[in-house]
């Protein structure tokens, strides 16, 4: 089930900060992580750096549930859209060698591209997500297409707005960047990333996926769905993937950030372009090249995140204070931005209470309610963005779920854990959902 309006969009909340004790910071991080593991099923790795010194690195949950293999700091996770930061660095490496012009139309590098916008979209537009291209190209999860094959999908798309007019996230644009990288360098995307970024920086647990090929020490992605516990595809499609085709660890991602800051990959002027605010995406949020630039008080934060079917990952770097937080997870139901928020607030001295199971609904109280409920499909599409007519209430590991959403309970009413916009109660065999004042009734299906 798609999320409703997110009530914990990253970190920028109006809060009152109280000083914590200087000692025990490691234990505070651990208690927060354990709370998210207990309540939300968090499975993955966390690395926290303060004043350019590591203060916390720990693993939680299982890399493989079938064989009971635990996650370790060396376990490799899909990083999905954090891969874009590697692609952006690679493109700028070619630009710094005068092989690519950032303000040059992409037709100069992809003459085979047959689209009306080929002479108006520039490399800069692709890097800054201001091209006007739609978010997705239409590639399917099972497709194993080369960049040039994917190019045929992108060239059929119409622009949503004139290039440079505004910011709008586009995975389609990353396909074009991958194709440009290969054409200009005369090397495969994988070879370029491996030889020019991964090896020079010593990122021993980072690499590019190759179709269905096995990766050593890879965490199996899991998610909880309307059908129960499922394994998930490690990346959103199996083909060439400049927007989400890498795996890594929190420690390697920190080394990558340090390598950028030490100008080991790019000269200072080109490194600065990664973190320059090229487009505004929120009241205080701006977009660089594959990095977001956010403000919290006087602190500047560089942010990158990735989300897949069974994986979540996020990194933030505070260049002025030398702090860093990295989270990699192989549990698709992880509320990773809430976890990041709590780790960050703890890092800067706020008092943060770890989540507890007390607020969660208990399956034993809803035993007779478990099962499938038939709704009007039009209402589900209109009010909840669902393309099905049946919602399942079911239990897993002692927790109650509505499809894939974990449920809380307050005064006998079920709701989602992160918002009170949706409330659920029962009358006889009916489930009644109230979402922002819109009432939907259903009938329980008989087995």
Protein backbone atom coordinates (compact mmCIF):
# COMPACT_ATOMS: atom_id res chain seq x y z
CA UNK A 1 0.00 0.00 0.00
CA UNK A 2 1.49 3.36 -0.93
CA UNK A 3 2.22 5.73 1.93
CA UNK A 4 -0.18 8.53 2.69
CA UNK A 5 1.12 12.03 3.18
CA UNK A 6 4.38 11.44 5.03
CA UNK A 7 4.39 13.09 8.42
CA UNK A 8 8.10 12.52 9.01
CA UNK A 9 9.65 13.88 5.82
CA UNK A 10 13.29 13.72 6.82
CA UNK A 11 14.70 15.82 9.62
CA UNK A 12 13.42 19.32 9.43
CA UNK A 13 10.98 19.57 12.27
CA UNK A 14 10.26 22.24 14.82
CA UNK A 15 11.77 20.69 17.94
CA UNK A 16 13.09 21.68 21.31
CA UNK A 17 16.65 20.46 21.80
CA UNK A 18 17.84 19.55 25.26
CA UNK A 19 21.42 18.58 25.97
CA UNK A 20 22.18 14.92 26.45
CA UNK A 21 24.96 13.53 28.57
CA UNK A 22 28.28 13.48 26.68
CA UNK A 23 28.89 9.90 27.65
CA UNK A 24 26.94 6.93 26.40
CA UNK A 25 26.36 8.23 22.87
CA UNK A 26 27.07 4.77 21.48
CA UNK A 27 24.45 3.29 23.81
CA UNK A 28 21.90 5.93 22.82
CA UNK A 29 22.32 5.07 19.13
CA UNK A 30 22.03 1.37 19.94
CA UNK A 31 18.82 1.85 21.93
CA UNK A 32 17.25 3.78 19.05
CA UNK A 33 18.28 1.13 16.53
CA UNK A 34 17.01 -1.68 18.77
CA UNK A 35 13.72 0.15 19.10
CA UNK A 36 13.34 0.30 15.32
CA UNK A 37 14.32 -3.35 15.06
CA UNK A 38 11.76 -4.36 17.69
CA UNK A 39 8.89 -2.20 16.46
CA UNK A 40 9.47 -1.90 12.70
CA UNK A 41 11.62 -4.94 11.99
CA UNK A 42 14.70 -2.93 10.99
CA UNK A 43 17.38 -5.14 9.49
CA UNK A 44 20.62 -3.63 8.30
CA UNK A 45 23.69 -1.59 9.20
CA UNK A 46 24.23 1.84 10.73
CA UNK A 47 27.37 3.95 10.78
CA UNK A 48 27.62 7.29 12.62
CA UNK A 49 30.58 9.66 12.50
CA UNK A 50 31.00 12.74 14.69
CA UNK A 51 33.80 15.29 14.25
CA UNK A 52 35.25 13.02 11.56
CA UNK A 53 35.61 10.21 14.09
CA UNK A 54 33.56 7.04 14.04
CA UNK A 55 31.36 6.79 17.12
CA UNK A 56 28.98 4.00 16.15
CA UNK A 57 28.85 1.13 13.67
CA UNK A 58 26.58 -1.82 14.25
CA UNK A 59 24.51 -4.41 12.43
CA UNK A 60 20.98 -5.67 13.11
CA UNK A 61 18.78 -8.44 11.81
CA UNK A 62 19.41 -11.15 9.26
CA UNK A 63 21.10 -11.00 5.88
CA UNK A 64 19.45 -14.32 5.05
CA UNK A 65 16.33 -15.44 6.88
CA UNK A 66 16.31 -18.93 5.34
CA UNK A 67 19.64 -19.83 6.91
CA UNK A 68 19.68 -17.46 9.88
CA UNK A 69 22.75 -15.53 8.65
CA UNK A 70 23.19 -12.25 10.51
CA UNK A 71 24.09 -8.91 8.98
CA UNK A 72 27.65 -7.69 9.59
CA UNK A 73 29.41 -4.38 8.77
CA UNK A 74 30.78 -6.13 5.65
CA UNK A 75 27.37 -7.28 4.40
CA UNK A 76 26.60 -5.73 1.03
CA UNK A 77 23.26 -4.01 0.45
CA UNK A 78 21.49 -2.59 -2.59
CA UNK A 79 21.86 1.19 -2.41
CA UNK A 80 19.39 1.92 -5.22
CA UNK A 81 19.29 5.66 -6.00
CA UNK A 82 22.44 6.44 -4.00
CA UNK A 83 24.03 4.91 -7.11
CA UNK A 84 23.20 8.21 -8.82
CA UNK A 85 25.94 9.91 -6.79
CA UNK A 86 28.50 7.57 -8.39
CA UNK A 87 27.09 8.24 -11.86
CA UNK A 88 27.21 12.00 -11.33
CA UNK A 89 30.83 11.80 -10.17
CA UNK A 90 31.69 9.72 -13.25
CA UNK A 91 30.08 12.21 -15.65
CA UNK A 92 31.93 15.09 -13.99
CA UNK A 93 35.20 13.15 -14.32
CA UNK A 94 34.64 13.14 -18.09
CA UNK A 95 33.67 16.81 -17.97
CA UNK A 96 36.85 17.72 -16.07
CA UNK A 97 38.82 15.96 -18.83
CA UNK A 98 37.01 18.18 -21.38
CA UNK A 99 35.28 15.17 -22.93
CA UNK A 100 31.78 16.34 -21.96
CA UNK A 101 30.35 19.84 -21.86
CA UNK A 102 27.73 20.24 -19.13
CA UNK A 103 25.79 22.87 -21.10
CA UNK A 104 26.00 20.94 -24.37
CA UNK A 105 22.80 19.35 -25.80
CA UNK A 106 22.76 15.59 -25.37
CA UNK A 107 22.37 15.11 -29.13
CA UNK A 108 26.09 15.83 -29.38
CA UNK A 109 26.82 12.62 -27.50
CA UNK A 110 23.84 10.51 -28.54
CA UNK A 111 23.33 11.22 -32.26
CA UNK A 112 21.14 8.10 -32.55
CA UNK A 113 18.60 9.59 -30.11
CA UNK A 114 15.43 10.29 -32.08
CA UNK A 115 13.42 12.73 -29.96
CA UNK A 116 12.13 16.23 -30.52
CA UNK A 117 13.89 17.45 -27.37
CA UNK A 118 17.35 16.06 -28.22
CA UNK A 119 18.77 19.54 -28.95
CA UNK A 120 17.23 21.31 -25.94
CA UNK A 121 18.06 18.95 -23.07
CA UNK A 122 21.66 19.32 -21.80
CA UNK A 123 23.87 17.16 -19.62
CA UNK A 124 23.36 19.70 -16.84
CA UNK A 125 19.59 19.22 -17.06
CA UNK A 126 19.99 15.46 -16.65
CA UNK A 127 22.34 15.79 -13.69
CA UNK A 128 20.10 18.29 -11.89
CA UNK A 129 16.77 16.58 -12.70
CA UNK A 130 15.55 19.65 -14.54
CA UNK A 131 15.24 18.07 -18.00
CA UNK A 132 11.46 17.78 -18.01
CA UNK A 133 11.68 14.04 -18.68
CA UNK A 134 9.15 11.91 -16.77
CA UNK A 135 10.19 9.93 -13.73
CA UNK A 136 10.14 6.49 -15.37
CA UNK A 137 10.93 5.20 -18.85
CA UNK A 138 8.60 2.21 -18.82
CA UNK A 139 11.32 -0.38 -18.26
CA UNK A 140 10.00 -3.45 -16.44
CA UNK A 141 11.58 -5.16 -13.44
CA UNK A 142 12.42 -8.31 -15.40
CA UNK A 143 13.95 -6.43 -18.35
CA UNK A 144 17.67 -6.91 -18.92
CA UNK A 145 18.29 -4.12 -21.43
CA UNK A 146 21.44 -2.25 -22.34
CA UNK A 147 21.53 1.54 -22.11
CA UNK A 148 21.15 1.79 -25.87
CA UNK A 149 18.08 -0.47 -25.75
CA UNK A 150 16.63 1.61 -22.92
CA UNK A 151 17.29 4.70 -25.02
CA UNK A 152 14.49 3.56 -27.33
CA UNK A 153 12.05 3.70 -24.41
CA UNK A 154 13.14 7.18 -23.30
CA UNK A 155 13.01 8.75 -26.75
CA UNK A 156 9.25 8.05 -26.98
CA UNK A 157 8.57 10.22 -23.92
CA UNK A 158 7.33 13.78 -24.08
CA UNK A 159 8.75 16.46 -21.82
CA UNK A 160 6.59 17.50 -18.87
CA UNK A 161 7.98 21.05 -18.98
CA UNK A 162 10.66 23.07 -20.73
CA UNK A 163 14.21 22.06 -19.78
CA UNK A 164 15.50 24.10 -16.86
CA UNK A 165 12.06 25.32 -15.81
CA UNK A 166 11.94 23.39 -12.54
CA UNK A 167 13.10 20.33 -10.64
CA UNK A 168 11.36 16.98 -11.12
CA UNK A 169 13.04 13.69 -10.25
CA UNK A 170 13.70 11.57 -13.33
CA UNK A 171 15.12 8.06 -13.56
CA UNK A 172 14.68 8.39 -17.34
CA UNK A 173 17.38 11.04 -17.34
CA UNK A 174 19.83 8.69 -15.65
CA UNK A 175 19.42 6.23 -18.51
CA UNK A 176 20.66 8.94 -20.86
CA UNK A 177 23.59 9.72 -18.55
CA UNK A 178 24.56 6.04 -18.52
CA UNK A 179 24.42 5.93 -22.31
CA UNK A 180 26.49 9.13 -22.59
CA UNK A 181 29.11 7.80 -20.19
CA UNK A 182 29.54 4.64 -22.26
CA UNK A 183 29.61 6.46 -25.62
CA UNK A 184 32.11 9.14 -24.54
CA UNK A 185 34.44 6.87 -22.54
CA UNK A 186 34.17 3.93 -24.95
CA UNK A 187 33.91 1.70 -21.89
CA UNK A 188 31.06 -0.07 -20.17
CA UNK A 189 29.38 1.72 -17.28
CA UNK A 190 30.44 -1.04 -14.91
CA UNK A 191 34.10 -0.91 -16.00
CA UNK A 192 34.25 2.87 -15.66
CA UNK A 193 32.70 2.92 -12.17
CA UNK A 194 34.88 0.00 -11.04
CA UNK A 195 38.18 1.26 -12.44
CA UNK A 196 37.80 5.02 -11.94
CA UNK A 197 35.90 5.23 -8.63
CA UNK A 198 35.68 1.96 -6.71
CA UNK A 199 39.29 0.78 -7.05
CA UNK A 200 41.03 4.15 -6.54
CA UNK A 201 39.05 4.75 -3.33
CA UNK A 202 39.48 1.19 -2.03
CA UNK A 203 35.75 0.49 -1.81
CA UNK A 204 36.16 -3.24 -1.28
CA UNK A 205 32.48 -3.95 -0.64
CA UNK A 206 31.04 -1.86 -3.47
CA UNK A 207 30.21 -2.90 -7.01
CA UNK A 208 27.75 -2.90 -9.90
CA UNK A 209 25.13 -5.59 -10.37
CA UNK A 210 25.39 -7.66 -13.53
CA UNK A 211 21.97 -9.00 -14.40
CA UNK A 212 21.22 -11.99 -12.18
CA UNK A 213 24.85 -12.73 -11.30
CA UNK A 214 25.49 -13.72 -7.70
CA UNK A 215 27.19 -11.17 -5.40
CA UNK A 216 29.20 -12.49 -2.45
CA UNK A 217 28.02 -11.45 1.01
CA UNK A 218 24.85 -9.85 -0.40
CA UNK A 219 21.95 -9.29 2.00
CA UNK A 220 18.75 -10.81 0.64
CA UNK A 221 16.11 -8.08 0.24
CA UNK A 222 12.85 -8.80 2.08
CA UNK A 223 9.53 -7.04 2.33
CA UNK A 224 6.19 -7.72 3.96
CA UNK A 225 3.32 -7.47 1.49
CA UNK A 226 -0.36 -8.29 1.25
CA UNK A 227 0.78 -11.84 0.51
CA UNK A 228 3.04 -12.12 3.56
CA UNK A 229 6.83 -12.23 3.79
CA UNK A 230 8.51 -12.11 0.37
CA UNK A 231 12.00 -11.96 -1.02
CA UNK A 232 12.42 -9.01 -3.36
CA UNK A 233 14.49 -8.14 -6.40
CA UNK A 234 17.72 -6.45 -5.40
CA UNK A 235 17.39 -3.63 -7.96
CA UNK A 236 14.38 -2.23 -9.77
CA UNK A 237 15.36 -3.80 -13.07
CA UNK A 238 18.03 -6.24 -14.23
CA UNK A 239 19.57 -4.27 -17.09
CA UNK A 240 22.17 -1.52 -17.19
CA UNK A 241 21.26 0.83 -14.36
CA UNK A 242 23.02 4.14 -13.80
CA UNK A 243 20.26 5.27 -11.44
CA UNK A 244 20.16 2.35 -9.04
CA UNK A 245 22.43 -0.56 -9.95
CA UNK A 246 25.08 -0.53 -7.23
CA UNK A 247 25.58 -2.34 -3.94
CA UNK A 248 27.71 -1.11 -1.03
CA UNK A 249 28.06 -0.80 2.73
CA UNK A 250 27.66 2.16 5.07
CA UNK A 251 31.43 2.15 5.67
CA UNK A 252 32.24 2.21 1.95
CA UNK A 253 29.76 5.02 1.36
CA UNK A 254 31.56 7.05 4.01
CA UNK A 255 34.89 6.36 2.27
CA UNK A 256 33.29 7.49 -1.00
CA UNK A 257 32.24 10.78 0.60
CA UNK A 258 35.71 11.29 2.05
CA UNK A 259 37.24 10.59 -1.34
CA UNK A 260 35.09 13.27 -2.94
CA UNK A 261 35.95 15.78 -0.23
CA UNK A 262 39.68 15.05 -0.57
CA UNK A 263 39.43 15.66 -4.35
CA UNK A 264 40.69 12.15 -5.10
CA UNK A 265 38.22 11.83 -7.97
CA UNK A 266 37.60 15.37 -9.14
CA UNK A 267 39.30 18.75 -8.88
CA UNK A 268 37.77 21.16 -6.39
CA UNK A 269 35.81 23.16 -8.95
CA UNK A 270 34.04 20.07 -10.30
CA UNK A 271 33.51 18.54 -6.86
CA UNK A 272 31.76 21.77 -5.85
CA UNK A 273 29.27 21.27 -8.69
CA UNK A 274 27.96 18.12 -7.00
CA UNK A 275 26.84 20.16 -4.00
CA UNK A 276 25.95 23.44 -5.69
CA UNK A 277 22.22 24.33 -5.44
CA UNK A 278 21.21 24.08 -9.09
CA UNK A 279 17.44 23.86 -8.47
CA UNK A 280 15.07 24.44 -5.58
CA UNK A 281 12.96 21.47 -4.50
CA UNK A 282 11.47 22.72 -1.24
CA UNK A 283 11.26 25.75 1.01
CA UNK A 284 14.83 25.22 2.25
CA UNK A 285 15.81 22.29 0.03
CA UNK A 286 17.93 22.47 -3.10
CA UNK A 287 19.27 19.93 -5.57
CA UNK A 288 22.87 19.51 -6.64
CA UNK A 289 24.08 16.84 -9.03
CA UNK A 290 22.54 13.65 -7.52
CA UNK A 291 22.81 15.15 -4.02
CA UNK A 292 20.19 17.13 -2.12
CA UNK A 293 21.29 20.12 -0.04
CA UNK A 294 19.21 20.68 3.08
CA UNK A 295 19.36 23.09 5.98
CA UNK A 296 18.71 22.38 9.66
CA UNK A 297 19.25 25.54 11.61
CA UNK A 298 22.69 26.77 10.62
CA UNK A 299 23.84 23.32 9.52
CA UNK A 300 24.15 22.36 5.87
CA UNK A 301 23.39 18.73 5.10
CA UNK A 302 24.22 16.74 1.98
CA UNK A 303 21.61 14.03 1.53
CA UNK A 304 21.18 11.00 -0.75
CA UNK A 305 18.73 8.13 -0.41
CA UNK A 306 17.60 5.03 -2.22
CA UNK A 307 14.54 2.81 -2.03
CA UNK A 308 13.81 -0.54 -3.65
CA UNK A 309 11.31 -3.34 -3.34
CA UNK A 310 13.01 -4.82 -0.28
CA UNK A 311 15.74 -2.33 0.50
CA UNK A 312 16.15 1.15 1.94
CA UNK A 313 19.31 3.22 2.25
CA UNK A 314 20.22 6.78 3.16
CA UNK A 315 23.35 8.82 3.82
CA UNK A 316 23.83 12.34 5.13
CA UNK A 317 27.05 14.29 5.43
CA UNK A 318 27.49 17.48 7.40
CA UNK A 319 30.64 18.96 5.81
CA UNK A 320 30.97 21.83 8.28
CA UNK A 321 30.90 19.66 11.41
CA UNK A 322 32.49 16.47 10.08
CA UNK A 323 29.47 14.29 10.87
CA UNK A 324 28.01 11.47 8.81
CA UNK A 325 25.17 8.98 9.15
CA UNK A 326 24.73 5.99 6.86
CA UNK A 327 21.95 3.41 6.97
CA UNK A 328 21.64 0.38 4.70
CA UNK A 329 18.74 -2.03 5.10
CA UNK A 330 17.40 -5.21 3.52
CA UNK A 331 13.89 -4.78 4.98
CA UNK A 332 11.60 -2.89 2.62
CA UNK A 333 9.22 -1.85 5.40
CA UNK A 334 11.88 0.12 7.28
CA UNK A 335 10.79 3.74 8.01
CA UNK A 336 14.34 4.75 7.21
CA UNK A 337 13.81 8.52 7.29
CA UNK A 338 12.30 8.34 10.77
CA UNK A 339 15.28 6.27 11.93
CA UNK A 340 17.65 8.78 10.32
CA UNK A 341 15.85 11.66 12.01
CA UNK A 342 16.19 10.09 15.45
CA UNK A 343 19.87 9.25 14.95
CA UNK A 344 20.57 12.78 13.74
CA UNK A 345 18.73 14.45 16.61
CA UNK A 346 20.63 12.26 19.06
CA UNK A 347 23.90 13.19 17.36
CA UNK A 348 23.27 16.92 17.82
CA UNK A 349 22.25 16.54 21.45
CA UNK A 350 18.48 16.20 21.43
CA UNK A 351 16.66 13.85 23.76
CA UNK A 352 15.06 11.14 21.64
CA UNK A 353 12.86 8.36 22.98
CA UNK A 354 13.27 5.08 21.08
CA UNK A 355 10.05 3.69 19.59
CA UNK A 356 8.34 1.04 21.69
CA UNK A 357 5.90 -1.73 20.92
CA UNK A 358 3.34 -0.30 23.35
CA UNK A 359 1.61 1.66 20.60
CA UNK A 360 1.29 -1.30 18.23
CA UNK A 361 -1.92 -3.22 17.70
CA UNK A 362 -1.85 -6.77 19.04
CA UNK A 363 -2.97 -9.49 16.62
CA UNK A 364 -4.52 -11.54 19.42
CA UNK A 365 -7.10 -8.78 19.90
CA UNK A 366 -8.16 -9.05 16.25
CA UNK A 367 -8.07 -12.80 15.64
CA UNK A 368 -11.63 -12.96 14.32
CA UNK A 369 -11.01 -9.89 12.15
CA UNK A 370 -8.05 -11.33 10.23
CA UNK A 371 -8.69 -11.95 6.57
CA UNK A 372 -9.57 -10.26 3.26
CA UNK A 373 -12.02 -7.38 2.85
CA UNK A 374 -13.69 -6.37 -0.41
CA UNK A 375 -13.86 -2.62 -1.11
CA UNK A 376 -15.08 -0.56 -4.00
CA UNK A 377 -12.03 -0.37 -6.25
CA UNK A 378 -12.82 3.15 -7.40
CA UNK A 379 -12.76 4.40 -3.82
CA UNK A 380 -9.44 2.69 -3.08
CA UNK A 381 -7.88 4.25 -6.16
CA UNK A 382 -9.30 7.68 -5.37
CA UNK A 383 -8.51 7.83 -1.67
CA UNK A 384 -5.57 5.45 -1.17
CA UNK A 385 -3.92 5.13 -4.57
CA UNK A 386 -4.45 1.36 -4.62
CA UNK A 387 -5.09 -0.53 -7.83
CA UNK A 388 -6.91 -3.42 -6.19
CA UNK A 389 -10.23 -3.97 -4.49
CA UNK A 390 -9.19 -6.33 -1.68
CA UNK A 391 -7.35 -5.32 1.49
CA UNK A 392 -5.87 -7.94 3.79
CA UNK A 393 -5.65 -7.69 7.58
CA UNK A 394 -3.01 -10.17 8.71
CA UNK A 395 -0.36 -10.85 11.33
CA UNK A 396 3.39 -11.40 11.12
CA UNK A 397 5.96 -11.83 13.90
CA UNK A 398 3.44 -10.73 16.52
CA UNK A 399 2.44 -7.56 14.66
CA UNK A 400 -0.73 -6.55 12.81
CA UNK A 401 -0.59 -5.34 9.19
CA UNK A 402 -3.02 -3.82 6.71
CA UNK A 403 -1.50 -5.20 3.51
CA UNK A 404 2.13 -4.08 4.06
CA UNK A 405 1.42 -1.28 6.55
CA UNK A 406 2.18 -1.83 10.23
CA UNK A 407 -0.77 -0.89 12.44
CA UNK A 408 -0.90 0.98 15.72
CA UNK A 409 -3.85 1.14 18.10
CA UNK A 410 -5.24 3.99 20.14
CA UNK A 411 -8.40 3.73 22.22
CA UNK A 412 -9.67 0.76 20.25
CA UNK A 413 -9.06 2.33 16.83
CA UNK A 414 -6.51 1.02 14.37
CA UNK A 415 -4.28 3.46 12.50
CA UNK A 416 -0.94 3.61 10.73
CA UNK A 417 2.16 4.05 12.86
CA UNK A 418 3.25 7.32 11.26
CA UNK A 419 -0.01 9.24 10.73
CA UNK A 420 -3.54 9.48 12.09
CA UNK A 421 -4.96 10.35 8.67
CA UNK A 422 -6.27 6.80 8.34
CA UNK A 423 -8.43 5.15 11.01
CA UNK A 424 -10.03 1.71 11.01
CA UNK A 425 -12.86 0.22 13.05
CA UNK A 426 -15.26 -2.68 12.63
CA UNK A 427 -19.02 -3.14 12.69
CA UNK A 428 -19.96 -6.79 12.58
CA UNK A 429 -18.19 -8.32 9.59
CA UNK A 430 -17.51 -4.92 8.04
CA UNK A 431 -14.20 -3.05 8.04
CA UNK A 432 -14.70 0.71 7.92
CA UNK A 433 -11.81 2.96 6.89
CA UNK A 434 -11.91 6.71 7.51
CA UNK A 435 -9.20 8.50 5.55
CA UNK A 436 -9.25 12.26 5.93
CA UNK A 437 -13.01 12.19 6.44
CA UNK A 438 -13.68 9.90 3.47
CA UNK A 439 -15.53 6.79 4.63
CA UNK A 440 -15.09 3.43 2.91
CA UNK A 441 -16.94 0.32 3.98
CA UNK A 442 -16.17 -3.28 3.07
CA UNK A 443 -17.42 -6.77 3.64
CA UNK A 444 -15.17 -9.54 4.88
CA UNK A 445 -14.69 -12.23 2.29
CA UNK A 446 -15.48 -15.77 3.31
CA UNK A 447 -12.83 -18.40 2.75
